């Protein structure tokens, strides 16, 4: 029991010292997230689908 009080006293004495080591601050500049998304595949797919339907609708022209 005596060791428990010594241990609790040591922990409570070190707590203020250890709490000063952690510092959290907001950054000075805004956080920038760059999203480089390649949408070319979707555009080509849509154009190919539109072209196929146009050819089917106007089969006599082609």
PDB file of N, CA and C in Angstrom:
ATOM      1  N   UNK A   1       0.823  -1.175   0.000  1.00  0.00           N
ATOM      2  CA  UNK A   1       0.000   0.000   0.000  1.00  0.00           C
ATOM      3  C   UNK A   1       0.874   1.247   0.000  1.00  0.00           C
ATOM      4  N   UNK A   2       1.990   1.179   0.721  1.00  0.00           N
ATOM      5  CA  UNK A   2       2.895   2.314   0.798  1.00  0.00           C
ATOM      6  C   UNK A   2       3.517   2.611  -0.577  1.00  0.00           C
ATOM      7  N   UNK A   3       3.806   1.565  -1.333  1.00  0.00           N
ATOM      8  CA  UNK A   3       4.368   1.740  -2.689  1.00  0.00           C
ATOM      9  C   UNK A   3       3.353   2.404  -3.618  1.00  0.00           C
ATOM     10  N   UNK A   4       2.111   2.078  -3.406  1.00  0.00           N
ATOM     11  CA  UNK A   4       1.055   2.660  -4.246  1.00  0.00           C
ATOM     12  C   UNK A   4       1.016   4.184  -4.088  1.00  0.00           C
ATOM     13  N   UNK A   5       1.118   4.680  -2.870  1.00  0.00           N
ATOM     14  CA  UNK A   5       1.107   6.117  -2.635  1.00  0.00           C
ATOM     15  C   UNK A   5       2.360   6.784  -3.204  1.00  0.00           C
ATOM     16  N   UNK A   6       3.485   6.102  -3.130  1.00  0.00           N
ATOM     17  CA  UNK A   6       4.723   6.647  -3.711  1.00  0.00           C
ATOM     18  C   UNK A   6       4.580   6.719  -5.225  1.00  0.00           C
ATOM     19  N   UNK A   7       4.039   5.658  -5.816  1.00  0.00           N
ATOM     20  CA  UNK A   7       3.840   5.622  -7.274  1.00  0.00           C
ATOM     21  C   UNK A   7       2.865   6.715  -7.721  1.00  0.00           C
ATOM     22  N   UNK A   8       1.770   6.880  -7.026  1.00  0.00           N
ATOM     23  CA  UNK A   8       0.793   7.911  -7.378  1.00  0.00           C
ATOM     24  C   UNK A   8       1.389   9.306  -7.208  1.00  0.00           C
ATOM     25  N   UNK A   9       2.219   9.477  -6.194  1.00  0.00           N
ATOM     26  CA  UNK A   9       2.872  10.769  -5.990  1.00  0.00           C
ATOM     27  C   UNK A   9       3.867  11.066  -7.098  1.00  0.00           C
ATOM     28  N   UNK A  10       4.594  10.051  -7.555  1.00  0.00           N
ATOM     29  CA  UNK A  10       5.560  10.250  -8.636  1.00  0.00           C
ATOM     30  C   UNK A  10       4.847  10.580  -9.940  1.00  0.00           C
ATOM     31  N   UNK A  11       3.765   9.882 -10.206  1.00  0.00           N
ATOM     32  CA  UNK A  11       3.007  10.138 -11.437  1.00  0.00           C
ATOM     33  C   UNK A  11       2.397  11.532 -11.401  1.00  0.00           C
ATOM     34  N   UNK A  12       1.830  11.929 -10.279  1.00  0.00           N
ATOM     35  CA  UNK A  12       1.220  13.259 -10.202  1.00  0.00           C
ATOM     36  C   UNK A  12       2.279  14.365 -10.248  1.00  0.00           C
ATOM     37  N   UNK A  13       3.494  14.070  -9.809  1.00  0.00           N
ATOM     38  CA  UNK A  13       4.558  15.066  -9.883  1.00  0.00           C
ATOM     39  C   UNK A  13       5.089  15.205 -11.307  1.00  0.00           C
ATOM     40  N   UNK A  14       5.085  14.105 -12.082  1.00  0.00           N
ATOM     41  CA  UNK A  14       5.591  14.142 -13.459  1.00  0.00           C
ATOM     42  C   UNK A  14       4.549  14.611 -14.461  1.00  0.00           C
ATOM     43  N   UNK A  15       3.298  14.577 -14.110  1.00  0.00           N
ATOM     44  CA  UNK A  15       2.229  14.940 -15.046  1.00  0.00           C
ATOM     45  C   UNK A  15       2.379  16.364 -15.577  1.00  0.00           C
ATOM     46  N   UNK A  16       2.622  17.378 -14.767  1.00  0.00           N
ATOM     47  CA  UNK A  16       2.777  18.729 -15.326  1.00  0.00           C
ATOM     48  C   UNK A  16       4.006  18.860 -16.218  1.00  0.00           C
ATOM     49  N   UNK A  17       5.054  18.122 -15.901  1.00  0.00           N
ATOM     50  CA  UNK A  17       6.271  18.193 -16.719  1.00  0.00           C
ATOM     51  C   UNK A  17       6.025  17.581 -18.081  1.00  0.00           C
ATOM     52  N   UNK A  18       5.362  16.435 -18.121  1.00  0.00           N
ATOM     53  CA  UNK A  18       5.107  15.755 -19.391  1.00  0.00           C
ATOM     54  C   UNK A  18       4.041  16.453 -20.215  1.00  0.00           C
ATOM     55  N   UNK A  19       3.100  17.110 -19.591  1.00  0.00           N
ATOM     56  CA  UNK A  19       2.034  17.761 -20.351  1.00  0.00           C
ATOM     57  C   UNK A  19       2.553  18.979 -21.112  1.00  0.00           C
ATOM     58  N   UNK A  20       3.649  19.560 -20.704  1.00  0.00           N
ATOM     59  CA  UNK A  20       4.215  20.704 -21.415  1.00  0.00           C
ATOM     60  C   UNK A  20       4.922  20.316 -22.686  1.00  0.00           C
ATOM     61  N   UNK A  21       5.160  19.023 -22.910  1.00  0.00           N
ATOM     62  CA  UNK A  21       5.881  18.568 -24.094  1.00  0.00           C
ATOM     63  C   UNK A  21       4.995  18.516 -25.336  1.00  0.00           C
ATOM     64  N   UNK A  22       3.706  18.464 -25.153  1.00  0.00           N
ATOM     65  CA  UNK A  22       2.788  18.324 -26.287  1.00  0.00           C
ATOM     66  C   UNK A  22       2.207  19.689 -26.606  1.00  0.00           C
ATOM     67  N   UNK A  23       2.368  20.085 -27.874  1.00  0.00           N
ATOM     68  CA  UNK A  23       1.865  21.383 -28.314  1.00  0.00           C
ATOM     69  C   UNK A  23       1.119  21.184 -29.630  1.00  0.00           C
ATOM     70  N   UNK A  24      -0.141  21.533 -29.667  1.00  0.00           N
ATOM     71  CA  UNK A  24      -0.956  21.391 -30.869  1.00  0.00           C
ATOM     72  C   UNK A  24      -1.330  22.783 -31.342  1.00  0.00           C
ATOM     73  N   UNK A  25      -1.000  23.083 -32.614  1.00  0.00           N
ATOM     74  CA  UNK A  25      -1.319  24.399 -33.168  1.00  0.00           C
ATOM     75  C   UNK A  25      -1.813  24.236 -34.597  1.00  0.00           C
ATOM     76  N   UNK A  26      -2.657  25.154 -35.015  1.00  0.00           N
ATOM     77  CA  UNK A  26      -3.155  25.142 -36.384  1.00  0.00           C
ATOM     78  C   UNK A  26      -2.048  25.620 -37.323  1.00  0.00           C
ATOM     79  N   UNK A  27      -2.006  25.108 -38.567  1.00  0.00           N
ATOM     80  CA  UNK A  27      -0.982  25.556 -39.508  1.00  0.00           C
ATOM     81  C   UNK A  27      -1.201  27.011 -39.919  1.00  0.00           C
ATOM     82  N   UNK A  28      -0.118  27.674 -40.296  1.00  0.00           N
ATOM     83  CA  UNK A  28      -0.206  29.068 -40.728  1.00  0.00           C
ATOM     84  C   UNK A  28      -0.883  29.197 -42.086  1.00  0.00           C
ATOM     85  N   UNK A  29      -0.634  28.244 -42.968  1.00  0.00           N
ATOM     86  CA  UNK A  29      -1.209  28.278 -44.320  1.00  0.00           C
ATOM     87  C   UNK A  29      -2.360  27.279 -44.393  1.00  0.00           C
ATOM     88  N   UNK A  30      -3.321  27.519 -45.277  1.00  0.00           N
ATOM     89  CA  UNK A  30      -4.424  26.566 -45.400  1.00  0.00           C
ATOM     90  C   UNK A  30      -3.940  25.234 -45.976  1.00  0.00           C
ATOM     91  N   UNK A  31      -4.624  24.180 -45.604  1.00  0.00           N
ATOM     92  CA  UNK A  31      -4.294  22.852 -46.103  1.00  0.00           C
ATOM     93  C   UNK A  31      -4.861  22.717 -47.504  1.00  0.00           C
ATOM     94  N   UNK A  32      -4.024  22.319 -48.454  1.00  0.00           N
ATOM     95  CA  UNK A  32      -4.434  22.177 -49.847  1.00  0.00           C
ATOM     96  C   UNK A  32      -4.424  20.697 -50.203  1.00  0.00           C
ATOM     97  N   UNK A  33      -5.525  20.212 -50.729  1.00  0.00           N
ATOM     98  CA  UNK A  33      -5.626  18.828 -51.176  1.00  0.00           C
ATOM     99  C   UNK A  33      -5.835  18.863 -52.679  1.00  0.00           C
ATOM    100  N   UNK A  34      -4.887  18.302 -53.401  1.00  0.00           N
ATOM    101  CA  UNK A  34      -4.983  18.281 -54.858  1.00  0.00           C
ATOM    102  C   UNK A  34      -5.516  16.926 -55.296  1.00  0.00           C
ATOM    103  N   UNK A  35      -6.587  16.962 -56.044  1.00  0.00           N
ATOM    104  CA  UNK A  35      -7.175  15.735 -56.561  1.00  0.00           C
ATOM    105  C   UNK A  35      -7.012  15.732 -58.074  1.00  0.00           C
ATOM    106  N   UNK A  36      -6.068  14.958 -58.545  1.00  0.00           N
ATOM    107  CA  UNK A  36      -5.859  14.814 -59.981  1.00  0.00           C
ATOM    108  C   UNK A  36      -6.655  13.605 -60.451  1.00  0.00           C
ATOM    109  N   UNK A  37      -7.808  13.868 -61.042  1.00  0.00           N
ATOM    110  CA  UNK A  37      -8.695  12.798 -61.465  1.00  0.00           C
ATOM    111  C   UNK A  37      -8.703  12.767 -62.986  1.00  0.00           C
ATOM    112  N   UNK A  38      -8.495  11.587 -63.523  1.00  0.00           N
ATOM    113  CA  UNK A  38      -8.498  11.421 -64.967  1.00  0.00           C
ATOM    114  C   UNK A  38      -9.910  11.034 -65.406  1.00  0.00           C
ATOM    115  N   UNK A  39     -10.593  11.950 -66.090  1.00  0.00           N
ATOM    116  CA  UNK A  39     -11.959  11.677 -66.545  1.00  0.00           C
ATOM    117  C   UNK A  39     -12.002  11.365 -68.035  1.00  0.00           C
ATOM    118  N   UNK A  40     -10.868  11.188 -68.633  1.00  0.00           N
ATOM    119  CA  UNK A  40     -10.810  10.953 -70.079  1.00  0.00           C
ATOM    120  C   UNK A  40     -11.535   9.674 -70.464  1.00  0.00           C
ATOM    121  N   UNK A  41     -11.391   8.627 -69.686  1.00  0.00           N
ATOM    122  CA  UNK A  41     -12.006   7.355 -70.023  1.00  0.00           C
ATOM    123  C   UNK A  41     -13.520   7.476 -70.072  1.00  0.00           C
ATOM    124  N   UNK A  42     -14.107   8.174 -69.133  1.00  0.00           N
ATOM    125  CA  UNK A  42     -15.549   8.331 -69.112  1.00  0.00           C
ATOM    126  C   UNK A  42     -16.024   9.142 -70.319  1.00  0.00           C
ATOM    127  N   UNK A  43     -15.316  10.199 -70.674  1.00  0.00           N
ATOM    128  CA  UNK A  43     -15.694  11.028 -71.817  1.00  0.00           C
ATOM    129  C   UNK A  43     -15.603  10.224 -73.101  1.00  0.00           C
ATOM    130  N   UNK A  44     -14.536   9.469 -73.277  1.00  0.00           N
ATOM    131  CA  UNK A  44     -14.387   8.655 -74.487  1.00  0.00           C
ATOM    132  C   UNK A  44     -15.489   7.612 -74.562  1.00  0.00           C
ATOM    133  N   UNK A  45     -15.844   6.997 -73.438  1.00  0.00           N
ATOM    134  CA  UNK A  45     -16.905   5.997 -73.417  1.00  0.00           C
ATOM    135  C   UNK A  45     -18.236   6.618 -73.823  1.00  0.00           C
ATOM    136  N   UNK A  46     -18.527   7.802 -73.299  1.00  0.00           N
ATOM    137  CA  UNK A  46     -19.782   8.468 -73.660  1.00  0.00           C
ATOM    138  C   UNK A  46     -19.799   8.845 -75.133  1.00  0.00           C
ATOM    139  N   UNK A  47     -18.681   9.352 -75.629  1.00  0.00           N
ATOM    140  CA  UNK A  47     -18.629   9.709 -77.045  1.00  0.00           C
ATOM    141  C   UNK A  47     -18.772   8.480 -77.928  1.00  0.00           C
ATOM    142  N   UNK A  48     -18.141   7.369 -77.531  1.00  0.00           N
ATOM    143  CA  UNK A  48     -18.251   6.137 -78.317  1.00  0.00           C
ATOM    144  C   UNK A  48     -19.690   5.638 -78.316  1.00  0.00           C
ATOM    145  N   UNK A  49     -20.359   5.719 -77.193  1.00  0.00           N
ATOM    146  CA  UNK A  49     -21.750   5.290 -77.101  1.00  0.00           C
ATOM    147  C   UNK A  49     -22.638   6.184 -77.958  1.00  0.00           C
ATOM    148  N   UNK A  50     -22.410   7.500 -77.891  1.00  0.00           N
ATOM    149  CA  UNK A  50     -23.186   8.422 -78.728  1.00  0.00           C
ATOM    150  C   UNK A  50     -22.912   8.175 -80.211  1.00  0.00           C
ATOM    151  N   UNK A  51     -21.673   7.928 -80.565  1.00  0.00           N
ATOM    152  CA  UNK A  51     -21.325   7.679 -81.966  1.00  0.00           C
ATOM    153  C   UNK A  51     -21.980   6.393 -82.458  1.00  0.00           C
ATOM    154  N   UNK A  52     -21.978   5.354 -81.630  1.00  0.00           N
ATOM    155  CA  UNK A  52     -22.602   4.090 -82.031  1.00  0.00           C
ATOM    156  C   UNK A  52     -24.094   4.267 -82.248  1.00  0.00           C
ATOM    157  N   UNK A  53     -24.767   5.000 -81.379  1.00  0.00           N
ATOM    158  CA  UNK A  53     -26.217   5.201 -81.551  1.00  0.00           C
ATOM    159  C   UNK A  53     -26.496   6.082 -82.765  1.00  0.00           C
ATOM    160  N   UNK A  54     -25.628   7.062 -83.032  1.00  0.00           N
ATOM    161  CA  UNK A  54     -25.814   7.911 -84.213  1.00  0.00           C
ATOM    162  C   UNK A  54     -25.638   7.098 -85.495  1.00  0.00           C
ATOM    163  N   UNK A  55     -24.681   6.208 -85.526  1.00  0.00           N
ATOM    164  CA  UNK A  55     -24.460   5.363 -86.710  1.00  0.00           C
ATOM    165  C   UNK A  55     -25.641   4.424 -86.914  1.00  0.00           C
ATOM    166  N   UNK A  56     -26.161   3.867 -85.826  1.00  0.00           N
ATOM    167  CA  UNK A  56     -27.313   2.969 -85.953  1.00  0.00           C
ATOM    168  C   UNK A  56     -28.548   3.731 -86.442  1.00  0.00           C
ATOM    169  N   UNK A  57     -28.747   4.949 -85.975  1.00  0.00           N
ATOM    170  CA  UNK A  57     -29.896   5.738 -86.397  1.00  0.00           C
ATOM    171  C   UNK A  57     -29.788   6.177 -87.851  1.00  0.00           C
ATOM    172  N   UNK A  58     -28.568   6.416 -88.306  1.00  0.00           N
ATOM    173  CA  UNK A  58     -28.364   6.909 -89.673  1.00  0.00           C
ATOM    174  C   UNK A  58     -27.520   5.909 -90.460  1.00  0.00           C
ATOM    175  N   UNK A  59     -27.965   4.653 -90.507  1.00  0.00           N
ATOM    176  CA  UNK A  59     -27.204   3.595 -91.175  1.00  0.00           C
ATOM    177  C   UNK A  59     -27.086   3.860 -92.681  1.00  0.00           C
ATOM    178  N   UNK A  60     -28.082   4.507 -93.270  1.00  0.00           N
ATOM    179  CA  UNK A  60     -28.043   4.756 -94.714  1.00  0.00           C
ATOM    180  C   UNK A  60     -26.972   5.788 -95.096  1.00  0.00           C
ATOM    181  N   UNK A  61     -26.595   6.662 -94.186  1.00  0.00           N
ATOM    182  CA  UNK A  61     -25.566   7.660 -94.486  1.00  0.00           C
ATOM    183  C   UNK A  61     -24.172   7.012 -94.495  1.00  0.00           C
ATOM    184  N   UNK A  62     -23.953   6.076 -93.609  1.00  0.00           N
ATOM    185  CA  UNK A  62     -22.642   5.461 -93.500  1.00  0.00           C
ATOM    186  C   UNK A  62     -22.615   4.243 -94.352  1.00  0.00           C
TER     187      UNK A  62
END
